[in-house]
C-alpha atoms as a PDB file:
ATOM      1  CA  MET A   1      36.393 -17.594  51.911  1.00  0.00           C
ATOM      2  CA  GLY A   2      35.720 -17.674  55.593  1.00  0.00           C
ATOM      3  CA  THR A   3      33.498 -15.446  57.611  1.00  0.00           C
ATOM      4  CA  PRO A   4      35.122 -12.073  58.398  1.00  0.00           C
ATOM      5  CA  SER A   5      36.347 -11.919  61.978  1.00  0.00           C
ATOM      6  CA  TYR A   6      34.808  -9.662  64.608  1.00  0.00           C
ATOM      7  CA  SER A   7      37.870  -7.318  64.559  1.00  0.00           C
ATOM      8  CA  THR A   8      37.861  -7.069  60.808  1.00  0.00           C
ATOM      9  CA  THR A   9      34.120  -6.132  60.736  1.00  0.00           C
ATOM     10  CA  ARG A  10      34.804  -3.588  63.487  1.00  0.00           C
ATOM     11  CA  LEU A  11      37.729  -2.077  61.675  1.00  0.00           C
ATOM     12  CA  ALA A  12      35.572  -1.787  58.555  1.00  0.00           C
ATOM     13  CA  GLY A  13      32.750  -0.100  60.551  1.00  0.00           C
ATOM     14  CA  LYS A  14      35.190   2.473  61.790  1.00  0.00           C
ATOM     15  CA  HIS A  15      36.633   3.060  58.430  1.00  0.00           C
ATOM     16  CA  ARG A  16      33.133   3.825  57.117  1.00  0.00           C
ATOM     17  CA  ILE A  17      32.377   6.222  59.969  1.00  0.00           C
ATOM     18  CA  LEU A  18      35.677   8.109  59.418  1.00  0.00           C
ATOM     19  CA  LYS A  19      34.948   8.292  55.660  1.00  0.00           C
ATOM     20  CA  LYS A  20      31.518   9.636  56.272  1.00  0.00           C
ATOM     21  CA  VAL A  21      32.856  12.272  58.661  1.00  0.00           C
ATOM     22  CA  ASN A  22      35.494  13.294  56.175  1.00  0.00           C
ATOM     23  CA  GLU A  23      32.805  13.645  53.465  1.00  0.00           C
ATOM     24  CA  GLN A  24      30.640  15.823  55.698  1.00  0.00           C
ATOM     25  CA  LYS A  25      33.282  17.659  57.702  1.00  0.00           C
ATOM     26  CA  TYR A  26      32.019  21.052  56.581  1.00  0.00           C
ATOM     27  CA  LEU A  27      28.465  20.309  57.593  1.00  0.00           C
ATOM     28  CA  LEU A  28      29.759  19.067  60.975  1.00  0.00           C
ATOM     29  CA  LEU A  29      31.764  22.258  61.472  1.00  0.00           C
ATOM     30  CA  LEU A  30      28.656  24.286  60.597  1.00  0.00           C
ATOM     31  CA  VAL A  31      26.497  22.537  63.219  1.00  0.00           C
ATOM     32  CA  MET A  32      29.293  22.413  65.838  1.00  0.00           C
ATOM     33  CA  PRO A  33      28.454  25.825  67.500  1.00  0.00           C
ATOM     34  CA  ALA A  34      24.882  24.622  68.077  1.00  0.00           C
ATOM     35  CA  VAL A  35      26.079  21.318  69.590  1.00  0.00           C
ATOM     36  CA  VAL A  36      28.468  23.100  71.918  1.00  0.00           C
ATOM     37  CA  TRP A  37      25.723  25.552  72.964  1.00  0.00           C
ATOM     38  CA  LEU A  38      23.270  22.729  73.572  1.00  0.00           C
ATOM     39  CA  PHE A  39      25.866  20.827  75.660  1.00  0.00           C
ATOM     40  CA  VAL A  40      26.916  23.765  77.780  1.00  0.00           C
ATOM     41  CA  PHE A  41      23.445  25.252  78.430  1.00  0.00           C
ATOM     42  CA  ALA A  42      21.229  22.121  78.259  1.00  0.00           C
ATOM     43  CA  TYR A  43      23.295  19.077  79.354  1.00  0.00           C
ATOM     44  CA  MET A  44      25.908  20.354  81.736  1.00  0.00           C
ATOM     45  CA  PRO A  45      23.371  22.018  84.071  1.00  0.00           C
ATOM     46  CA  ILE A  46      21.602  18.675  84.539  1.00  0.00           C
ATOM     47  CA  TYR A  47      23.939  17.678  87.359  1.00  0.00           C
ATOM     48  CA  GLY A  48      22.538  20.593  89.316  1.00  0.00           C
ATOM     49  CA  VAL A  49      19.164  18.825  89.675  1.00  0.00           C
ATOM     50  CA  VAL A  50      20.593  17.097  92.769  1.00  0.00           C
ATOM     51  CA  ILE A  51      20.115  20.354  94.625  1.00  0.00           C
ATOM     52  CA  ALA A  52      16.411  19.507  94.783  1.00  0.00           C
ATOM     53  CA  PHE A  53      17.320  16.728  97.173  1.00  0.00           C
ATOM     54  CA  LYS A  54      19.710  18.604  99.345  1.00  0.00           C
ATOM     55  CA  ALA A  55      19.653  21.387 101.938  1.00  0.00           C
ATOM     56  CA  TYR A  56      21.915  23.427  99.569  1.00  0.00           C
ATOM     57  CA  ASN A  57      24.399  25.772 101.105  1.00  0.00           C
ATOM     58  CA  VAL A  58      26.326  28.103  98.807  1.00  0.00           C
ATOM     59  CA  GLY A  59      29.437  27.829 101.008  1.00  0.00           C
ATOM     60  CA  LEU A  60      29.479  24.052 101.102  1.00  0.00           C
ATOM     61  CA  GLY A  61      28.749  23.640  97.385  1.00  0.00           C
ATOM     62  CA  ILE A  62      26.422  21.070  95.722  1.00  0.00           C
ATOM     63  CA  TRP A  63      28.234  17.886  96.859  1.00  0.00           C
ATOM     64  CA  GLY A  64      29.220  19.226 100.330  1.00  0.00           C
ATOM     65  CA  SER A  65      25.645  20.177 101.226  1.00  0.00           C
ATOM     66  CA  PRO A  66      23.690  17.610 103.364  1.00  0.00           C
ATOM     67  CA  TRP A  67      20.960  15.460 101.732  1.00  0.00           C
ATOM     68  CA  SER A  68      17.385  16.410 102.572  1.00  0.00           C
ATOM     69  CA  GLY A  69      15.542  13.657 100.634  1.00  0.00           C
ATOM     70  CA  LEU A  70      12.072  14.686  99.530  1.00  0.00           C
ATOM     71  CA  ASP A  71      11.697  17.493 102.024  1.00  0.00           C
ATOM     72  CA  GLN A  72      11.498  20.221  99.360  1.00  0.00           C
ATOM     73  CA  PHE A  73       8.799  18.406  97.414  1.00  0.00           C
ATOM     74  CA  GLN A  74       6.758  18.042 100.705  1.00  0.00           C
ATOM     75  CA  VAL A  75       6.909  21.735 101.021  1.00  0.00           C
ATOM     76  CA  LEU A  76       6.186  22.190  97.335  1.00  0.00           C
ATOM     77  CA  PHE A  77       2.921  20.241  97.360  1.00  0.00           C
ATOM     78  CA  THR A  78       1.629  22.006 100.351  1.00  0.00           C
ATOM     79  CA  ASP A  79       2.309  25.504  99.047  1.00  0.00           C
ATOM     80  CA  ARG A  80      -0.737  27.525  97.955  1.00  0.00           C
ATOM     81  CA  LEU A  81       1.275  29.864  95.778  1.00  0.00           C
ATOM     82  CA  PHE A  82       2.711  26.915  93.829  1.00  0.00           C
ATOM     83  CA  TYR A  83      -0.706  25.561  92.956  1.00  0.00           C
ATOM     84  CA  ASN A  84      -1.767  29.031  91.912  1.00  0.00           C
ATOM     85  CA  ALA A  85       1.300  29.315  89.666  1.00  0.00           C
ATOM     86  CA  LEU A  86       0.579  25.878  88.313  1.00  0.00           C
ATOM     87  CA  ARG A  87      -3.002  26.740  87.467  1.00  0.00           C
ATOM     88  CA  ASN A  88      -2.051  29.906  85.762  1.00  0.00           C
ATOM     89  CA  THR A  89       0.594  28.223  83.739  1.00  0.00           C
ATOM     90  CA  PHE A  90      -1.945  25.643  82.372  1.00  0.00           C
ATOM     91  CA  LEU A  91      -4.590  28.330  81.762  1.00  0.00           C
ATOM     92  CA  ILE A  92      -2.444  30.727  79.918  1.00  0.00           C
ATOM     93  CA  SER A  93      -0.659  28.025  77.893  1.00  0.00           C
ATOM     94  CA  ALA A  94      -3.937  26.304  77.011  1.00  0.00           C
ATOM     95  CA  ALA A  95      -5.446  29.513  75.837  1.00  0.00           C
ATOM     96  CA  LYS A  96      -2.562  30.305  73.728  1.00  0.00           C
ATOM     97  CA  LEU A  97      -2.583  26.786  72.318  1.00  0.00           C
ATOM     98  CA  VAL A  98      -6.326  26.596  71.631  1.00  0.00           C
ATOM     99  CA  ILE A  99      -6.651  30.064  70.235  1.00  0.00           C
ATOM    100  CA  GLY A 100      -3.211  30.674  68.797  1.00  0.00           C
ATOM    101  CA  PHE A 101      -2.192  27.323  67.194  1.00  0.00           C
ATOM    102  CA  PRO A 102      -4.706  27.425  64.365  1.00  0.00           C
ATOM    103  CA  VAL A 103      -3.945  31.055  63.447  1.00  0.00           C
ATOM    104  CA  PRO A 104      -0.687  30.479  61.552  1.00  0.00           C
ATOM    105  CA  ILE A 105      -2.195  27.613  59.692  1.00  0.00           C
ATOM    106  CA  VAL A 106      -5.240  29.766  58.556  1.00  0.00           C
ATOM    107  CA  PHE A 107      -2.835  32.605  57.665  1.00  0.00           C
ATOM    108  CA  ALA A 108      -0.548  30.255  55.676  1.00  0.00           C
ATOM    109  CA  LEU A 109      -3.625  28.880  53.809  1.00  0.00           C
ATOM    110  CA  MET A 110      -4.735  32.517  53.013  1.00  0.00           C
ATOM    111  CA  LEU A 111      -1.357  33.553  51.825  1.00  0.00           C
ATOM    112  CA  ASN A 112      -1.160  30.423  49.587  1.00  0.00           C
ATOM    113  CA  GLU A 113      -4.379  31.608  47.853  1.00  0.00           C
ATOM    114  CA  LEU A 114      -2.817  34.972  46.845  1.00  0.00           C
ATOM    115  CA  LYS A 115      -2.067  34.280  43.273  1.00  0.00           C
ATOM    116  CA  GLY A 116      -0.436  36.822  41.063  1.00  0.00           C
ATOM    117  CA  MET A 117       0.027  39.272  43.978  1.00  0.00           C
ATOM    118  CA  HIS A 118       3.686  38.842  44.651  1.00  0.00           C
ATOM    119  CA  LEU A 119       4.584  42.264  46.011  1.00  0.00           C
ATOM    120  CA  PHE A 120       1.447  42.392  48.244  1.00  0.00           C
ATOM    121  CA  LYS A 121       2.181  38.911  49.515  1.00  0.00           C
ATOM    122  CA  LYS A 122       5.699  39.753  50.352  1.00  0.00           C
ATOM    123  CA  GLY A 123       4.543  42.976  52.132  1.00  0.00           C
ATOM    124  CA  VAL A 124       2.116  41.137  54.266  1.00  0.00           C
ATOM    125  CA  GLN A 125       4.738  38.457  55.075  1.00  0.00           C
ATOM    126  CA  THR A 126       7.220  41.154  56.165  1.00  0.00           C
ATOM    127  CA  LEU A 127       4.876  42.908  58.330  1.00  0.00           C
ATOM    128  CA  THR A 128       3.630  39.821  60.089  1.00  0.00           C
ATOM    129  CA  TYR A 129       7.150  38.319  60.512  1.00  0.00           C
ATOM    130  CA  LEU A 130       8.653  41.427  62.037  1.00  0.00           C
ATOM    131  CA  PRO A 131       7.027  41.175  65.523  1.00  0.00           C
ATOM    132  CA  HIS A 132       8.762  37.853  66.099  1.00  0.00           C
ATOM    133  CA  PHE A 133      12.128  39.561  66.117  1.00  0.00           C
ATOM    134  CA  LEU A 134      11.174  42.114  68.574  1.00  0.00           C
ATOM    135  CA  SER A 135      12.246  41.357  72.127  1.00  0.00           C
ATOM    136  CA  TRP A 136       9.598  40.934  74.807  1.00  0.00           C
ATOM    137  CA  ALA A 137      11.235  43.855  76.685  1.00  0.00           C
ATOM    138  CA  PHE A 138      10.228  46.193  73.807  1.00  0.00           C
ATOM    139  CA  VAL A 139       6.817  44.565  73.309  1.00  0.00           C
ATOM    140  CA  ALA A 140       5.969  44.567  76.902  1.00  0.00           C
ATOM    141  CA  ALA A 141       6.902  48.220  77.283  1.00  0.00           C
ATOM    142  CA  PHE A 142       4.855  49.082  74.137  1.00  0.00           C
ATOM    143  CA  LEU A 143       1.768  47.156  75.555  1.00  0.00           C
ATOM    144  CA  ILE A 144       2.037  48.789  78.979  1.00  0.00           C
ATOM    145  CA  THR A 145       2.232  52.234  77.394  1.00  0.00           C
ATOM    146  CA  PHE A 146      -0.497  51.421  74.844  1.00  0.00           C
ATOM    147  CA  PHE A 147      -2.990  50.199  77.434  1.00  0.00           C
ATOM    148  CA  SER A 148      -2.129  52.628  80.216  1.00  0.00           C
ATOM    149  CA  ASP A 149      -4.536  55.241  81.568  1.00  0.00           C
ATOM    150  CA  ALA A 150      -2.952  57.870  79.163  1.00  0.00           C
ATOM    151  CA  GLY A 151      -2.431  55.408  76.404  1.00  0.00           C
ATOM    152  CA  MET A 152      -3.908  55.364  72.886  1.00  0.00           C
ATOM    153  CA  ILE A 153      -6.676  52.848  73.667  1.00  0.00           C
ATOM    154  CA  ASN A 154      -8.036  54.856  76.564  1.00  0.00           C
ATOM    155  CA  TYR A 155      -7.672  58.135  74.585  1.00  0.00           C
ATOM    156  CA  LEU A 156      -9.758  56.594  71.718  1.00  0.00           C
ATOM    157  CA  LEU A 157     -12.426  55.152  74.061  1.00  0.00           C
ATOM    158  CA  THR A 158     -12.804  58.410  75.949  1.00  0.00           C
ATOM    159  CA  SER A 159     -12.775  60.556  72.834  1.00  0.00           C
ATOM    160  CA  LEU A 160     -15.545  58.425  71.403  1.00  0.00           C
ATOM    161  CA  ASN A 161     -17.547  58.606  74.815  1.00  0.00           C
ATOM    162  CA  LEU A 162     -17.431  54.718  74.985  1.00  0.00           C
ATOM    163  CA  VAL A 163     -16.195  54.969  78.626  1.00  0.00           C
ATOM    164  CA  GLY A 164     -16.539  57.569  81.226  1.00  0.00           C
ATOM    165  CA  GLY A 165     -12.919  57.618  82.232  1.00  0.00           C
ATOM    166  CA  PRO A 166      -9.613  55.727  81.745  1.00  0.00           C
ATOM    167  CA  TYR A 167     -10.013  51.961  82.091  1.00  0.00           C
ATOM    168  CA  ALA A 168      -7.105  50.026  83.732  1.00  0.00           C
ATOM    169  CA  PHE A 169      -6.732  47.244  81.298  1.00  0.00           C
ATOM    170  CA  LEU A 170      -3.530  45.792  82.812  1.00  0.00           C
ATOM    171  CA  ALA A 171      -4.966  45.983  86.419  1.00  0.00           C
ATOM    172  CA  ASP A 172      -8.076  43.968  85.513  1.00  0.00           C
ATOM    173  CA  ARG A 173      -7.736  40.163  85.611  1.00  0.00           C
ATOM    174  CA  ALA A 174      -9.875  39.397  82.530  1.00  0.00           C
ATOM    175  CA  SER A 175      -8.428  42.046  80.342  1.00  0.00           C
ATOM    176  CA  PHE A 176      -4.853  41.269  81.404  1.00  0.00           C
ATOM    177  CA  PHE A 177      -5.383  37.690  80.638  1.00  0.00           C
ATOM    178  CA  SER A 178      -6.785  38.556  77.100  1.00  0.00           C
ATOM    179  CA  ILE A 179      -3.863  40.921  76.411  1.00  0.00           C
ATOM    180  CA  VAL A 180      -1.275  38.296  77.343  1.00  0.00           C
ATOM    181  CA  VAL A 181      -2.792  35.669  75.141  1.00  0.00           C
ATOM    182  CA  LEU A 182      -3.529  37.932  72.071  1.00  0.00           C
ATOM    183  CA  SER A 183      -0.220  39.701  72.226  1.00  0.00           C
ATOM    184  CA  ASP A 184       1.635  36.417  72.247  1.00  0.00           C
ATOM    185  CA  ILE A 185      -0.360  35.190  69.204  1.00  0.00           C
ATOM    186  CA  TRP A 186       0.238  38.537  67.338  1.00  0.00           C
ATOM    187  CA  LYS A 187       3.994  38.243  68.021  1.00  0.00           C
ATOM    188  CA  HIS A 188       4.495  34.759  66.790  1.00  0.00           C
ATOM    189  CA  PHE A 189       1.767  33.773  64.137  1.00  0.00           C
ATOM    190  CA  GLY A 190       3.506  35.312  61.181  1.00  0.00           C
ATOM    191  CA  PHE A 191       6.806  33.672  61.745  1.00  0.00           C
ATOM    192  CA  SER A 192       5.126  30.293  62.613  1.00  0.00           C
ATOM    193  CA  SER A 193       3.298  30.397  59.193  1.00  0.00           C
ATOM    194  CA  ILE A 194       6.753  29.954  57.478  1.00  0.00           C
ATOM    195  CA  ILE A 195       6.771  26.228  58.290  1.00  0.00           C
ATOM    196  CA  TYR A 196       3.308  25.709  56.930  1.00  0.00           C
ATOM    197  CA  LEU A 197       4.010  27.602  53.766  1.00  0.00           C
ATOM    198  CA  ALA A 198       7.074  25.414  53.317  1.00  0.00           C
ATOM    199  CA  ALA A 199       4.921  22.340  53.770  1.00  0.00           C
ATOM    200  CA  ILE A 200       2.312  23.669  51.324  1.00  0.00           C
ATOM    201  CA  SER A 201       5.060  24.172  48.753  1.00  0.00           C
ATOM    202  CA  THR A 202       5.941  20.463  48.762  1.00  0.00           C
ATOM    203  CA  ILE A 203       2.365  19.554  47.655  1.00  0.00           C
ATOM    204  CA  SER A 204       2.314  18.543  43.986  1.00  0.00           C
ATOM    205  CA  PRO A 205       0.627  21.175  41.657  1.00  0.00           C
ATOM    206  CA  THR A 206      -0.888  18.425  39.636  1.00  0.00           C
ATOM    207  CA  LEU A 207      -3.322  17.682  42.483  1.00  0.00           C
ATOM    208  CA  TYR A 208      -4.569  21.239  42.255  1.00  0.00           C
ATOM    209  CA  GLU A 209      -4.776  21.110  38.492  1.00  0.00           C
ATOM    210  CA  ALA A 210      -6.762  17.819  38.558  1.00  0.00           C
ATOM    211  CA  ALA A 211      -9.045  19.110  41.248  1.00  0.00           C
ATOM    212  CA  TYR A 212      -9.675  22.382  39.258  1.00  0.00           C
ATOM    213  CA  MET A 213     -10.463  20.415  36.092  1.00  0.00           C
ATOM    214  CA  ASP A 214     -13.077  18.440  38.197  1.00  0.00           C
ATOM    215  CA  GLY A 215     -14.688  21.730  39.097  1.00  0.00           C
ATOM    216  CA  ALA A 216     -13.465  21.997  42.708  1.00  0.00           C
ATOM    217  CA  SER A 217     -13.716  25.476  44.240  1.00  0.00           C
ATOM    218  CA  ARG A 218     -10.794  27.148  46.031  1.00  0.00           C
ATOM    219  CA  PHE A 219     -12.151  26.225  49.417  1.00  0.00           C
ATOM    220  CA  GLN A 220     -12.605  22.533  48.347  1.00  0.00           C
ATOM    221  CA  ARG A 221      -8.975  22.474  46.998  1.00  0.00           C
ATOM    222  CA  ALA A 222      -7.829  23.870  50.315  1.00  0.00           C
ATOM    223  CA  TRP A 223      -9.841  21.489  52.343  1.00  0.00           C
ATOM    224  CA  TYR A 224      -9.263  18.248  50.471  1.00  0.00           C
ATOM    225  CA  ILE A 225      -5.709  18.835  49.150  1.00  0.00           C
ATOM    226  CA  THR A 226      -3.776  21.503  51.012  1.00  0.00           C
ATOM    227  CA  ILE A 227      -4.936  20.607  54.767  1.00  0.00           C
ATOM    228  CA  PRO A 228      -4.363  16.909  54.281  1.00  0.00           C
ATOM    229  CA  GLY A 229      -0.959  17.657  52.560  1.00  0.00           C
ATOM    230  CA  ILE A 230       0.231  19.498  55.663  1.00  0.00           C
ATOM    231  CA  LYS A 231      -1.310  17.222  58.170  1.00  0.00           C
ATOM    232  CA  PRO A 232       1.995  15.489  59.325  1.00  0.00           C
ATOM    233  CA  THR A 233       3.604  18.946  59.842  1.00  0.00           C
ATOM    234  CA  VAL A 234       0.662  20.185  61.796  1.00  0.00           C
ATOM    235  CA  ILE A 235       0.631  17.241  64.059  1.00  0.00           C
ATOM    236  CA  VAL A 236       4.345  17.225  64.731  1.00  0.00           C
ATOM    237  CA  LEU A 237       4.166  21.016  65.603  1.00  0.00           C
ATOM    238  CA  LEU A 238       1.091  20.427  67.792  1.00  0.00           C
ATOM    239  CA  ILE A 239       2.918  17.735  69.765  1.00  0.00           C
ATOM    240  CA  LEU A 240       5.810  19.961  70.305  1.00  0.00           C
ATOM    241  CA  ALA A 241       3.572  22.933  71.268  1.00  0.00           C
ATOM    242  CA  ILE A 242       1.925  20.811  73.862  1.00  0.00           C
ATOM    243  CA  SER A 243       5.248  19.826  75.311  1.00  0.00           C
ATOM    244  CA  ARG A 244       6.325  23.502  75.662  1.00  0.00           C
ATOM    245  CA  MET A 245       3.181  24.495  77.608  1.00  0.00           C
ATOM    246  CA  MET A 246       5.222  24.521  80.843  1.00  0.00           C
ATOM    247  CA  THR A 247       8.186  26.592  79.605  1.00  0.00           C
ATOM    248  CA  GLN A 248       7.359  29.340  77.155  1.00  0.00           C
ATOM    249  CA  ASN A 249       5.817  32.353  78.999  1.00  0.00           C
ATOM    250  CA  PHE A 250       8.624  33.701  81.261  1.00  0.00           C
ATOM    251  CA  GLU A 251       9.756  36.818  79.577  1.00  0.00           C
ATOM    252  CA  GLN A 252       6.229  37.973  78.702  1.00  0.00           C
ATOM    253  CA  LEU A 253       4.677  37.339  82.085  1.00  0.00           C
ATOM    254  CA  PHE A 254       7.693  38.594  84.090  1.00  0.00           C
ATOM    255  CA  LEU A 255       7.706  41.888  82.273  1.00  0.00           C
ATOM    256  CA  MET A 256       3.861  42.481  82.116  1.00  0.00           C
ATOM    257  CA  GLN A 257       2.730  41.258  85.594  1.00  0.00           C
ATOM    258  CA  ASN A 258       2.027  43.717  88.332  1.00  0.00           C
ATOM    259  CA  ILE A 259       0.814  43.387  91.961  1.00  0.00           C
ATOM    260  CA  LEU A 260      -2.827  43.973  91.098  1.00  0.00           C
ATOM    261  CA  VAL A 261      -3.122  40.904  88.819  1.00  0.00           C
ATOM    262  CA  MET A 262      -0.515  38.671  90.425  1.00  0.00           C
ATOM    263  CA  ASP A 263      -2.955  35.954  91.231  1.00  0.00           C
ATOM    264  CA  VAL A 264      -3.497  35.386  87.550  1.00  0.00           C
ATOM    265  CA  ALA A 265      -0.135  36.515  86.223  1.00  0.00           C
ATOM    266  CA  GLU A 266       2.198  34.374  88.332  1.00  0.00           C
ATOM    267  CA  ILE A 267       3.362  31.296  86.445  1.00  0.00           C
ATOM    268  CA  LEU A 268       5.754  28.527  87.347  1.00  0.00           C
ATOM    269  CA  GLU A 269       8.709  30.057  85.580  1.00  0.00           C
ATOM    270  CA  THR A 270       8.280  33.468  87.363  1.00  0.00           C
ATOM    271  CA  TYR A 271       7.614  31.763  90.544  1.00  0.00           C
ATOM    272  CA  THR A 272      10.781  29.649  90.196  1.00  0.00           C
ATOM    273  CA  TYR A 273      12.791  32.781  89.469  1.00  0.00           C
ATOM    274  CA  LYS A 274      11.478  34.602  92.415  1.00  0.00           C
ATOM    275  CA  MET A 275      11.994  31.696  94.863  1.00  0.00           C
ATOM    276  CA  GLY A 276      15.529  30.847  93.610  1.00  0.00           C
ATOM    277  CA  LEU A 277      17.175  34.262  92.803  1.00  0.00           C
ATOM    278  CA  GLN A 278      15.146  36.809  94.814  1.00  0.00           C
ATOM    279  CA  LYS A 279      14.607  34.738  97.964  1.00  0.00           C
ATOM    280  CA  ALA A 280      17.653  32.412  97.676  1.00  0.00           C
ATOM    281  CA  ARG A 281      15.656  29.229  98.172  1.00  0.00           C
ATOM    282  CA  PHE A 282      17.837  27.385  95.777  1.00  0.00           C
ATOM    283  CA  SER A 283      16.794  23.825  96.723  1.00  0.00           C
ATOM    284  CA  TYR A 284      13.025  24.651  96.645  1.00  0.00           C
ATOM    285  CA  SER A 285      13.232  26.444  93.195  1.00  0.00           C
ATOM    286  CA  THR A 286      15.225  23.481  91.787  1.00  0.00           C
ATOM    287  CA  ALA A 287      12.421  21.148  93.066  1.00  0.00           C
ATOM    288  CA  VAL A 288       9.829  23.365  91.265  1.00  0.00           C
ATOM    289  CA  GLY A 289      12.006  23.388  88.123  1.00  0.00           C
ATOM    290  CA  LEU A 290      12.335  19.574  88.255  1.00  0.00           C
ATOM    291  CA  PHE A 291       8.631  19.198  88.744  1.00  0.00           C
ATOM    292  CA  GLN A 292       8.080  21.403  85.720  1.00  0.00           C
ATOM    293  CA  SER A 293      10.393  19.319  83.480  1.00  0.00           C
ATOM    294  CA  LEU A 294       8.709  16.162  84.490  1.00  0.00           C
ATOM    295  CA  VAL A 295       5.302  17.485  83.608  1.00  0.00           C
ATOM    296  CA  ALA A 296       6.552  18.682  80.228  1.00  0.00           C
ATOM    297  CA  PHE A 297       8.004  15.200  79.600  1.00  0.00           C
ATOM    298  CA  VAL A 298       4.671  13.591  80.540  1.00  0.00           C
ATOM    299  CA  LEU A 299       2.845  16.083  78.174  1.00  0.00           C
ATOM    300  CA  LEU A 300       5.253  15.220  75.311  1.00  0.00           C
ATOM    301  CA  PHE A 301       5.056  11.535  75.765  1.00  0.00           C
ATOM    302  CA  SER A 302       1.268  11.560  76.203  1.00  0.00           C
ATOM    303  CA  ALA A 303       0.599  13.756  73.126  1.00  0.00           C
ATOM    304  CA  ASN A 304       2.903  11.652  71.113  1.00  0.00           C
ATOM    305  CA  ARG A 305       1.336   8.338  72.054  1.00  0.00           C
ATOM    306  CA  PHE A 306      -2.165   9.743  71.513  1.00  0.00           C
ATOM    307  CA  SER A 307      -1.262  11.127  68.116  1.00  0.00           C
ATOM    308  CA  ARG A 308       0.292   7.808  67.071  1.00  0.00           C
ATOM    309  CA  TRP A 309      -2.910   5.933  68.163  1.00  0.00           C
ATOM    310  CA  TYR A 310      -5.432   8.427  66.779  1.00  0.00           C
ATOM    311  CA  THR A 311      -3.589   9.690  63.527  1.00  0.00           C
ATOM    312  CA  GLY A 312      -0.715   7.423  62.906  1.00  0.00           C
ATOM    313  CA  GLU A 313       1.619  10.408  62.967  1.00  0.00           C
ATOM    314  CA  SER A 314       4.173  11.013  65.801  1.00  0.00           C
ATOM    315  CA  VAL A 315       7.427  12.751  66.548  1.00  0.00           C
ATOM    316  CA  PHE A 316       9.125   9.468  67.823  1.00  0.00           C
END
């Protein structure tokens, strides 16, 4: 028999693809809404990036507006407010990452050690998962009321004579920064622990049994079996968390910031919103958004390369 021709091989390949699609048609239908959403809201808007290089005029449209080259970026890198927003973005995101990233890991390890306490464990999980499903509009309103001059915190502090009068928590830079970081951790750590609990459940029970027979304590079993077992999951989520440092604080900061702490509360996302929608500087705000996306890409690529070199684990 001779070697199959190119057309025959190509036809066989198409046949295999169609067969695979037919076998998985229900799974493809299930994922289709997500694919459509991703295409409409993530890929279609990419063409609008060209606005950053144009003197955009709403009446002329994107392609009718004249080119301006790198003028918007020249303005961007000489704007003091931009550098302030960039600094705040990194500081807030870095604090959330350093303080908040280990919390769901520790919480998952603690839940995993609750043996024979099924109802209590489920109750704790429910209470810690719930804040994730609350909107930032509700949480921000709650925090503003809770820490206001007439709020519960000031009421308790003054009742116990710990302060002479109401303390403006959300008007002080240090306390505002702490509330922003800690409230974000409180809102998300319970839900984030689900992934780590799922990773822990894949570890073979025989490893724990063998360690127990050898006299290993609970701490030793967690340190030498559980943590190494979830290491790949931890590294992947850490890389993704680093890549999201530029784009995860808008709702919280937009709703909680006030004029008294604006120099520490303004971040790139709120700055872009104000420049683009409130001041109608569309080209400039697009340039800020493009810069933000490029920095996020560099963070993702750098974290992935470093992880691959240092641990052997990576996302891609």
